[in-house]
C-alpha atoms as a PDB file:
ATOM      1  CA  MET A   1       4.628   9.222 -50.071  1.00  0.00           C
ATOM      2  CA  LYS A   2       7.174   6.832 -48.530  1.00  0.00           C
ATOM      3  CA  THR A   3       8.868   9.781 -46.832  1.00  0.00           C
ATOM      4  CA  ILE A   4       5.577  10.909 -45.276  1.00  0.00           C
ATOM      5  CA  LEU A   5       4.768   7.373 -44.114  1.00  0.00           C
ATOM      6  CA  LEU A   6       8.214   7.009 -42.558  1.00  0.00           C
ATOM      7  CA  PHE A   7       7.794  10.326 -40.761  1.00  0.00           C
ATOM      8  CA  VAL A   8       4.433   9.247 -39.320  1.00  0.00           C
ATOM      9  CA  MET A   9       5.874   5.927 -38.156  1.00  0.00           C
ATOM     10  CA  LEU A  10       8.798   7.647 -36.508  1.00  0.00           C
ATOM     11  CA  LEU A  11       6.522  10.194 -34.869  1.00  0.00           C
ATOM     12  CA  PHE A  12       4.196   7.597 -33.362  1.00  0.00           C
ATOM     13  CA  GLY A  13       7.080   5.311 -32.512  1.00  0.00           C
ATOM     14  CA  SER A  14       8.745   8.115 -30.630  1.00  0.00           C
ATOM     15  CA  SER A  15       5.527   8.811 -28.726  1.00  0.00           C
ATOM     16  CA  CYS A  16       5.269   5.164 -27.734  1.00  0.00           C
ATOM     17  CA  VAL A  17       8.826   5.179 -26.441  1.00  0.00           C
ATOM     18  CA  GLN A  18       8.284   8.353 -24.437  1.00  0.00           C
ATOM     19  CA  ALA A  19       4.992   7.211 -22.902  1.00  0.00           C
ATOM     20  CA  THR A  20       6.021   5.221 -19.846  1.00  0.00           C
ATOM     21  CA  VAL A  21       5.524   4.699 -16.144  1.00  0.00           C
ATOM     22  CA  ARG A  22       7.533   7.263 -14.258  1.00  0.00           C
ATOM     23  CA  GLY A  23       8.439   7.788 -10.636  1.00  0.00           C
ATOM     24  CA  LYS A  24       9.523  10.890  -8.773  1.00  0.00           C
ATOM     25  CA  GLU A  25      10.569  11.651  -5.223  1.00  0.00           C
ATOM     26  CA  VAL A  26       8.460  14.131  -3.290  1.00  0.00           C
ATOM     27  CA  THR A  27       8.697  15.789   0.102  1.00  0.00           C
ATOM     28  CA  TYR A  28       5.958  16.961   2.420  1.00  0.00           C
ATOM     29  CA  THR A  29       5.769  17.865   6.085  1.00  0.00           C
ATOM     30  CA  VAL A  30       3.929  17.226   9.322  1.00  0.00           C
ATOM     31  CA  GLY A  31       4.923  19.800  11.889  1.00  0.00           C
ATOM     32  CA  ASP A  32       8.710  20.083  11.797  1.00  0.00           C
ATOM     33  CA  THR A  33       9.186  16.616  10.295  1.00  0.00           C
ATOM     34  CA  ILE A  34      10.072  16.292   6.639  1.00  0.00           C
ATOM     35  CA  LEU A  35       8.571  13.203   5.028  1.00  0.00           C
ATOM     36  CA  LYS A  36       9.981  11.702   1.833  1.00  0.00           C
ATOM     37  CA  GLY A  37       7.663   9.861  -0.528  1.00  0.00           C
ATOM     38  CA  TYR A  38       7.643   8.531  -4.067  1.00  0.00           C
ATOM     39  CA  ILE A  39       4.908   9.110  -6.658  1.00  0.00           C
ATOM     40  CA  ALA A  40       4.486   6.758  -9.637  1.00  0.00           C
ATOM     41  CA  TYR A  41       2.271   7.372 -12.669  1.00  0.00           C
ATOM     42  CA  ASP A  42       1.825   6.582 -16.342  1.00  0.00           C
ATOM     43  CA  ASP A  43       2.273   9.781 -18.330  1.00  0.00           C
ATOM     44  CA  ALA A  44       0.506   8.273 -21.353  1.00  0.00           C
ATOM     45  CA  ILE A  45      -2.841   8.314 -19.557  1.00  0.00           C
ATOM     46  CA  GLU A  46      -4.810  11.537 -19.750  1.00  0.00           C
ATOM     47  CA  GLY A  47      -7.565  12.684 -17.450  1.00  0.00           C
ATOM     48  CA  ARG A  48      -8.232  12.014 -13.805  1.00  0.00           C
ATOM     49  CA  ARG A  49      -7.855   8.560 -12.324  1.00  0.00           C
ATOM     50  CA  PRO A  50      -7.892   6.943  -8.871  1.00  0.00           C
ATOM     51  CA  GLY A  51      -5.027   7.354  -6.448  1.00  0.00           C
ATOM     52  CA  VAL A  52      -3.543   4.682  -4.199  1.00  0.00           C
ATOM     53  CA  LEU A  53      -1.389   5.146  -1.105  1.00  0.00           C
ATOM     54  CA  VAL A  54       1.264   2.533  -0.335  1.00  0.00           C
ATOM     55  CA  VAL A  55       2.464   2.159   3.260  1.00  0.00           C
ATOM     56  CA  HIS A  56       5.819   0.461   3.807  1.00  0.00           C
ATOM     57  CA  GLU A  57       6.893  -2.435   6.010  1.00  0.00           C
ATOM     58  CA  TRP A  58       8.517  -1.858   9.399  1.00  0.00           C
ATOM     59  CA  TRP A  59      11.890  -1.560   7.640  1.00  0.00           C
ATOM     60  CA  GLY A  60      10.785   1.873   6.400  1.00  0.00           C
ATOM     61  CA  HIS A  61      10.232   3.543   3.029  1.00  0.00           C
ATOM     62  CA  ASP A  62      12.280   1.322   0.717  1.00  0.00           C
ATOM     63  CA  ASP A  63      12.433  -0.259  -2.728  1.00  0.00           C
ATOM     64  CA  HIS A  64       9.660  -2.723  -1.899  1.00  0.00           C
ATOM     65  CA  ALA A  65       7.163   0.104  -1.325  1.00  0.00           C
ATOM     66  CA  ARG A  66       8.369   1.961  -4.412  1.00  0.00           C
ATOM     67  CA  LYS A  67       8.108  -1.155  -6.555  1.00  0.00           C
ATOM     68  CA  ARG A  68       4.483  -1.599  -5.493  1.00  0.00           C
ATOM     69  CA  ALA A  69       3.789   2.030  -6.385  1.00  0.00           C
ATOM     70  CA  MET A  70       5.242   1.425  -9.845  1.00  0.00           C
ATOM     71  CA  MET A  71       3.137  -1.717 -10.251  1.00  0.00           C
ATOM     72  CA  LEU A  72       0.034   0.279  -9.390  1.00  0.00           C
ATOM     73  CA  ALA A  73       1.020   2.936 -11.920  1.00  0.00           C
ATOM     74  CA  GLU A  74       1.278   0.218 -14.556  1.00  0.00           C
ATOM     75  CA  LEU A  75      -2.374  -0.564 -13.804  1.00  0.00           C
ATOM     76  CA  GLY A  76      -3.322   3.041 -14.502  1.00  0.00           C
ATOM     77  CA  TYR A  77      -3.416   4.448 -10.989  1.00  0.00           C
ATOM     78  CA  ILE A  78      -1.390   7.289  -9.537  1.00  0.00           C
ATOM     79  CA  ALA A  79       0.374   5.831  -6.506  1.00  0.00           C
ATOM     80  CA  LEU A  80       2.201   7.441  -3.611  1.00  0.00           C
ATOM     81  CA  ALA A  81       4.572   5.342  -1.527  1.00  0.00           C
ATOM     82  CA  LEU A  82       4.509   7.401   1.641  1.00  0.00           C
ATOM     83  CA  ASP A  83       6.858   7.814   4.563  1.00  0.00           C
ATOM     84  CA  MET A  84       5.602   7.085   8.083  1.00  0.00           C
ATOM     85  CA  TYR A  85       8.956   7.483   9.857  1.00  0.00           C
ATOM     86  CA  GLY A  86      10.184  10.830   8.561  1.00  0.00           C
ATOM     87  CA  GLU A  87      13.232  11.767   6.475  1.00  0.00           C
ATOM     88  CA  GLY A  88      12.731   8.553   4.528  1.00  0.00           C
ATOM     89  CA  LYS A  89      14.717   6.695   7.174  1.00  0.00           C
ATOM     90  CA  GLN A  90      15.105   2.946   7.003  1.00  0.00           C
ATOM     91  CA  ALA A  91      15.871   0.351   9.647  1.00  0.00           C
ATOM     92  CA  HIS A  92      18.809  -2.009   9.204  1.00  0.00           C
ATOM     93  CA  HIS A  93      18.150  -4.219  12.230  1.00  0.00           C
ATOM     94  CA  PRO A  94      14.932  -5.588  13.778  1.00  0.00           C
ATOM     95  CA  ASP A  95      15.564  -3.634  16.982  1.00  0.00           C
ATOM     96  CA  GLU A  96      15.732  -0.432  14.977  1.00  0.00           C
ATOM     97  CA  ALA A  97      12.640  -1.393  12.962  1.00  0.00           C
ATOM     98  CA  ALA A  98      10.729  -2.151  16.164  1.00  0.00           C
ATOM     99  CA  LYS A  99      11.744   1.226  17.592  1.00  0.00           C
ATOM    100  CA  PHE A 100      10.704   3.196  14.513  1.00  0.00           C
ATOM    101  CA  SER A 101       7.406   1.373  14.056  1.00  0.00           C
ATOM    102  CA  SER A 102       6.396   1.484  17.719  1.00  0.00           C
ATOM    103  CA  GLU A 103       7.014   5.222  17.881  1.00  0.00           C
ATOM    104  CA  VAL A 104       4.308   5.624  15.245  1.00  0.00           C
ATOM    105  CA  ALA A 105       1.996   2.760  16.240  1.00  0.00           C
ATOM    106  CA  LYS A 106       1.816   3.931  19.872  1.00  0.00           C
ATOM    107  CA  ASN A 107       1.051   7.505  18.846  1.00  0.00           C
ATOM    108  CA  LEU A 108      -2.213   7.301  16.917  1.00  0.00           C
ATOM    109  CA  PRO A 109      -2.575  11.086  16.423  1.00  0.00           C
ATOM    110  CA  LEU A 110       0.917  11.155  14.878  1.00  0.00           C
ATOM    111  CA  ALA A 111       0.176   8.185  12.611  1.00  0.00           C
ATOM    112  CA  LYS A 112      -3.091   9.786  11.528  1.00  0.00           C
ATOM    113  CA  ALA A 113      -1.428  13.129  10.806  1.00  0.00           C
ATOM    114  CA  ARG A 114       1.318  11.568   8.689  1.00  0.00           C
ATOM    115  CA  PHE A 115      -1.134   9.403   6.770  1.00  0.00           C
ATOM    116  CA  GLU A 116      -3.487  12.312   6.136  1.00  0.00           C
ATOM    117  CA  SER A 117      -0.638  14.546   4.983  1.00  0.00           C
ATOM    118  CA  ALA A 118       0.313  11.959   2.375  1.00  0.00           C
ATOM    119  CA  MET A 119      -3.310  11.547   1.345  1.00  0.00           C
ATOM    120  CA  LYS A 120      -3.622  15.325   0.918  1.00  0.00           C
ATOM    121  CA  LEU A 121      -0.515  15.371  -1.267  1.00  0.00           C
ATOM    122  CA  LEU A 122      -1.871  12.559  -3.430  1.00  0.00           C
ATOM    123  CA  ARG A 123      -5.227  14.283  -3.817  1.00  0.00           C
ATOM    124  CA  GLN A 124      -3.469  17.455  -4.950  1.00  0.00           C
ATOM    125  CA  GLN A 125      -1.846  15.756  -7.941  1.00  0.00           C
ATOM    126  CA  LYS A 126      -3.424  17.229 -11.061  1.00  0.00           C
ATOM    127  CA  ASN A 127      -4.568  13.927 -12.592  1.00  0.00           C
ATOM    128  CA  VAL A 128      -5.826  12.291  -9.407  1.00  0.00           C
ATOM    129  CA  ASP A 129      -9.525  11.780  -8.878  1.00  0.00           C
ATOM    130  CA  ALA A 130      -9.649  13.072  -5.310  1.00  0.00           C
ATOM    131  CA  GLU A 131     -12.903  11.244  -4.632  1.00  0.00           C
ATOM    132  CA  ASN A 132     -11.356   7.862  -5.411  1.00  0.00           C
ATOM    133  CA  ILE A 133      -8.505   7.028  -3.052  1.00  0.00           C
ATOM    134  CA  ALA A 134      -7.493   3.638  -1.664  1.00  0.00           C
ATOM    135  CA  ALA A 135      -4.574   2.406   0.433  1.00  0.00           C
ATOM    136  CA  LEU A 136      -2.357  -0.677   0.422  1.00  0.00           C
ATOM    137  CA  GLY A 137      -0.096  -1.581   3.317  1.00  0.00           C
ATOM    138  CA  TYR A 138       2.569  -4.187   3.996  1.00  0.00           C
ATOM    139  CA  CYS A 139       3.487  -5.619   7.410  1.00  0.00           C
ATOM    140  CA  PHE A 140       3.580  -2.496   9.658  1.00  0.00           C
ATOM    141  CA  GLY A 141       1.928  -0.640   6.772  1.00  0.00           C
ATOM    142  CA  GLY A 142      -0.882  -3.173   6.659  1.00  0.00           C
ATOM    143  CA  SER A 143      -1.648  -2.409  10.293  1.00  0.00           C
ATOM    144  CA  VAL A 144      -1.524   1.312   9.529  1.00  0.00           C
ATOM    145  CA  VAL A 145      -4.035   1.208   6.670  1.00  0.00           C
ATOM    146  CA  LEU A 146      -6.409  -0.959   8.709  1.00  0.00           C
ATOM    147  CA  GLN A 147      -6.204   1.494  11.571  1.00  0.00           C
ATOM    148  CA  MET A 148      -6.900   4.418   9.252  1.00  0.00           C
ATOM    149  CA  ALA A 149      -9.986   2.572   7.984  1.00  0.00           C
ATOM    150  CA  ARG A 150     -11.117   2.026  11.587  1.00  0.00           C
ATOM    151  CA  LEU A 151     -10.779   5.761  12.197  1.00  0.00           C
ATOM    152  CA  GLY A 152     -13.120   6.472   9.310  1.00  0.00           C
ATOM    153  CA  GLU A 153     -10.669   7.934   6.796  1.00  0.00           C
ATOM    154  CA  ASP A 154     -12.262   8.736   3.436  1.00  0.00           C
ATOM    155  CA  LEU A 155     -10.938   5.735   1.538  1.00  0.00           C
ATOM    156  CA  LYS A 156     -12.743   3.568  -0.987  1.00  0.00           C
ATOM    157  CA  GLY A 157     -10.770   0.495  -0.056  1.00  0.00           C
ATOM    158  CA  VAL A 158      -7.935  -0.784   2.106  1.00  0.00           C
ATOM    159  CA  ALA A 159      -5.773  -3.846   1.430  1.00  0.00           C
ATOM    160  CA  SER A 160      -3.471  -5.236   4.108  1.00  0.00           C
ATOM    161  CA  PHE A 161      -0.692  -7.646   3.147  1.00  0.00           C
ATOM    162  CA  HIS A 162       0.713  -9.598   6.121  1.00  0.00           C
ATOM    163  CA  GLY A 163      -0.306  -6.706   8.373  1.00  0.00           C
ATOM    164  CA  GLY A 164      -1.138  -7.151  12.041  1.00  0.00           C
ATOM    165  CA  LEU A 165      -4.882  -7.352  12.682  1.00  0.00           C
ATOM    166  CA  ALA A 166      -5.042  -6.607  16.400  1.00  0.00           C
ATOM    167  CA  THR A 167      -5.996  -3.171  17.696  1.00  0.00           C
ATOM    168  CA  GLU A 168      -6.763  -1.289  20.896  1.00  0.00           C
ATOM    169  CA  THR A 169      -9.322   0.848  19.057  1.00  0.00           C
ATOM    170  CA  PRO A 170     -11.652  -1.563  17.236  1.00  0.00           C
ATOM    171  CA  ALA A 171     -13.923  -0.523  14.403  1.00  0.00           C
ATOM    172  CA  GLN A 172     -17.273   0.933  15.404  1.00  0.00           C
ATOM    173  CA  PRO A 173     -20.579   0.420  13.554  1.00  0.00           C
ATOM    174  CA  GLY A 174     -21.146   3.043  10.884  1.00  0.00           C
ATOM    175  CA  LYS A 175     -17.681   4.595  11.117  1.00  0.00           C
ATOM    176  CA  VAL A 176     -15.658   2.601   8.585  1.00  0.00           C
ATOM    177  CA  ARG A 177     -16.064   3.956   5.044  1.00  0.00           C
ATOM    178  CA  ALA A 178     -13.623   1.666   3.288  1.00  0.00           C
ATOM    179  CA  ARG A 179     -14.065  -1.858   2.070  1.00  0.00           C
ATOM    180  CA  ILE A 180     -11.316  -4.056   3.468  1.00  0.00           C
ATOM    181  CA  ILE A 181      -9.321  -7.044   2.295  1.00  0.00           C
ATOM    182  CA  SER A 182      -6.618  -8.754   4.349  1.00  0.00           C
ATOM    183  CA  PHE A 183      -3.979 -11.292   3.297  1.00  0.00           C
ATOM    184  CA  THR A 184      -2.130 -13.411   5.869  1.00  0.00           C
ATOM    185  CA  GLY A 185      -0.289 -16.720   6.087  1.00  0.00           C
ATOM    186  CA  THR A 186      -1.187 -19.590   8.405  1.00  0.00           C
ATOM    187  CA  ASP A 187       2.484 -20.077   9.377  1.00  0.00           C
ATOM    188  CA  ASP A 188       2.931 -16.442  10.423  1.00  0.00           C
ATOM    189  CA  PRO A 189       3.456 -16.421  14.221  1.00  0.00           C
ATOM    190  CA  MET A 190       3.070 -12.631  14.232  1.00  0.00           C
ATOM    191  CA  ILE A 191      -0.541 -12.999  13.070  1.00  0.00           C
ATOM    192  CA  PRO A 192      -1.828 -16.214  14.708  1.00  0.00           C
ATOM    193  CA  ALA A 193      -5.174 -17.816  13.913  1.00  0.00           C
ATOM    194  CA  GLY A 194      -6.733 -16.323  17.039  1.00  0.00           C
ATOM    195  CA  GLN A 195      -5.922 -12.830  15.828  1.00  0.00           C
ATOM    196  CA  VAL A 196      -7.500 -13.542  12.458  1.00  0.00           C
ATOM    197  CA  ALA A 197     -10.643 -14.868  14.143  1.00  0.00           C
ATOM    198  CA  ALA A 198     -10.849 -11.816  16.404  1.00  0.00           C
ATOM    199  CA  PHE A 199     -10.475  -9.526  13.386  1.00  0.00           C
ATOM    200  CA  LYS A 200     -13.359 -11.238  11.611  1.00  0.00           C
ATOM    201  CA  GLU A 201     -15.514 -10.854  14.705  1.00  0.00           C
ATOM    202  CA  GLU A 202     -14.566  -7.176  14.947  1.00  0.00           C
ATOM    203  CA  MET A 203     -15.453  -6.532  11.305  1.00  0.00           C
ATOM    204  CA  ASP A 204     -18.750  -8.410  11.605  1.00  0.00           C
ATOM    205  CA  LYS A 205     -19.779  -6.447  14.696  1.00  0.00           C
ATOM    206  CA  ALA A 206     -18.927  -3.154  12.977  1.00  0.00           C
ATOM    207  CA  GLY A 207     -20.832  -4.087   9.832  1.00  0.00           C
ATOM    208  CA  VAL A 208     -17.787  -3.668   7.602  1.00  0.00           C
ATOM    209  CA  LYS A 209     -17.708  -5.108   4.097  1.00  0.00           C
ATOM    210  CA  TYR A 210     -14.522  -7.150   4.199  1.00  0.00           C
ATOM    211  CA  LYS A 211     -12.702 -10.251   3.019  1.00  0.00           C
ATOM    212  CA  VAL A 212      -9.991 -12.262   4.745  1.00  0.00           C
ATOM    213  CA  VAL A 213      -7.642 -14.388   2.636  1.00  0.00           C
ATOM    214  CA  THR A 214      -5.267 -16.835   4.322  1.00  0.00           C
ATOM    215  CA  PHE A 215      -2.522 -18.809   2.611  1.00  0.00           C
ATOM    216  CA  ALA A 216      -1.677 -22.246   3.983  1.00  0.00           C
ATOM    217  CA  GLY A 217       1.949 -22.747   4.999  1.00  0.00           C
ATOM    218  CA  VAL A 218       2.920 -19.138   4.275  1.00  0.00           C
ATOM    219  CA  LYS A 219       5.055 -17.058   6.648  1.00  0.00           C
ATOM    220  CA  HIS A 220       5.308 -13.351   7.368  1.00  0.00           C
ATOM    221  CA  SER A 221       6.382 -10.800   4.728  1.00  0.00           C
ATOM    222  CA  PHE A 222       5.475 -13.163   1.891  1.00  0.00           C
ATOM    223  CA  THR A 223       5.269 -10.372  -0.730  1.00  0.00           C
ATOM    224  CA  ASN A 224       8.833  -9.155  -0.253  1.00  0.00           C
ATOM    225  CA  PRO A 225      11.609 -11.019  -2.132  1.00  0.00           C
ATOM    226  CA  ALA A 226      14.081  -9.666   0.437  1.00  0.00           C
ATOM    227  CA  ALA A 227      12.252 -11.518   3.236  1.00  0.00           C
ATOM    228  CA  ASP A 228      14.377 -14.668   2.843  1.00  0.00           C
ATOM    229  CA  GLU A 229      17.576 -12.732   3.414  1.00  0.00           C
ATOM    230  CA  TYR A 230      16.134 -10.860   6.400  1.00  0.00           C
ATOM    231  CA  GLY A 231      14.886 -14.142   7.841  1.00  0.00           C
ATOM    232  CA  ARG A 232      18.286 -15.832   7.586  1.00  0.00           C
ATOM    233  CA  LYS A 233      20.261 -12.813   8.752  1.00  0.00           C
ATOM    234  CA  PHE A 234      18.163 -12.083  11.826  1.00  0.00           C
ATOM    235  CA  ASN A 235      16.646 -15.507  12.518  1.00  0.00           C
ATOM    236  CA  LEU A 236      13.107 -14.253  11.948  1.00  0.00           C
ATOM    237  CA  PRO A 237      10.068 -16.228  10.672  1.00  0.00           C
ATOM    238  CA  LEU A 238      10.061 -14.372   7.358  1.00  0.00           C
ATOM    239  CA  ALA A 239       9.883 -15.928   3.897  1.00  0.00           C
ATOM    240  CA  TYR A 240       8.969 -14.784   0.426  1.00  0.00           C
ATOM    241  CA  ASP A 241       6.305 -16.900  -1.243  1.00  0.00           C
ATOM    242  CA  ALA A 242       5.977 -16.318  -4.985  1.00  0.00           C
ATOM    243  CA  ALA A 243       2.613 -18.064  -5.275  1.00  0.00           C
ATOM    244  CA  ALA A 244       1.024 -16.154  -2.388  1.00  0.00           C
ATOM    245  CA  ASP A 245       2.526 -12.925  -3.680  1.00  0.00           C
ATOM    246  CA  LYS A 246       1.020 -13.478  -7.117  1.00  0.00           C
ATOM    247  CA  VAL A 247      -2.405 -14.566  -5.893  1.00  0.00           C
ATOM    248  CA  SER A 248      -2.691 -11.739  -3.367  1.00  0.00           C
ATOM    249  CA  TRP A 249      -1.695  -9.177  -6.008  1.00  0.00           C
ATOM    250  CA  GLU A 250      -4.285 -10.487  -8.458  1.00  0.00           C
ATOM    251  CA  GLU A 251      -6.902 -10.387  -5.706  1.00  0.00           C
ATOM    252  CA  ALA A 252      -5.881  -6.833  -4.841  1.00  0.00           C
ATOM    253  CA  LYS A 253      -6.138  -5.772  -8.492  1.00  0.00           C
ATOM    254  CA  GLY A 254      -9.687  -7.061  -8.666  1.00  0.00           C
ATOM    255  CA  PHE A 255     -10.475  -5.477  -5.320  1.00  0.00           C
ATOM    256  CA  LEU A 256      -9.311  -2.040  -6.503  1.00  0.00           C
ATOM    257  CA  THR A 257     -11.229  -2.333  -9.752  1.00  0.00           C
ATOM    258  CA  ASP A 258     -14.328  -3.182  -7.770  1.00  0.00           C
ATOM    259  CA  VAL A 259     -14.048  -0.426  -5.159  1.00  0.00           C
ATOM    260  CA  PHE A 260     -13.357   2.152  -7.846  1.00  0.00           C
ATOM    261  CA  LYS A 261     -16.019   0.569 -10.083  1.00  0.00           C
ATOM    262  CA  MET A 262     -13.774   0.792 -13.123  1.00  0.00           C
ATOM    263  CA  SER A 263     -12.899  -2.060 -15.469  1.00  0.00           C
ATOM    264  CA  SER A 264     -10.070  -0.452 -17.430  1.00  0.00           C
ATOM    265  CA  TYR A 265      -7.704   2.505 -17.242  1.00  0.00           C
END
């Protein structure tokens, strides 16, 4: 009897050890450009579940984006940290980051094609509920996901973390499908108060269901622990803020639960 009990304990113990959040690199294409993403998931969860796209900062597809994908997987989602620049390239200087990001931001058809290619890949994953997709974006990525919502992409929700709110193609009534939440800091010169006010006016005119959260005294890139180093190295108004990071993540968790109308995973 003791032998049988020990065997059962070992069997279930082994299963618990093996069941974990996993990540894997993936490639996909748009035209002749190879894009390199990262999918995170919990292999202990069976059945279909919502998928979430993660769009990187202007530095490119890096550990920050992948970490967020893993955090989403821990919540029960299947997350894809996508690549908007191609070849998974990363910037190592602000001038390079500005070049990479502007090449995409100024070419809306290209940005749309790369975003949609990633969304198609995520929907094709066997355990993804293709009808329940959301997107999170950081800095440059925050601007991207907001723009995709403005274009009417089939997303349940969009969350922008310290992403620019200005646009040359504002949301139109009846076109935006996604609910929107935006997080910015009051001490972020890249997203001044006037831009926040204009965004609210835009959303109101378009009849979008949205929420704007601002953090007093918080600078740009507040979710990225590497922001302090970047700020010092390049004399940029960047700073990690642990409190704002935590609060915005908790808000985003509740937001995703609400848009997917699920309480547990």
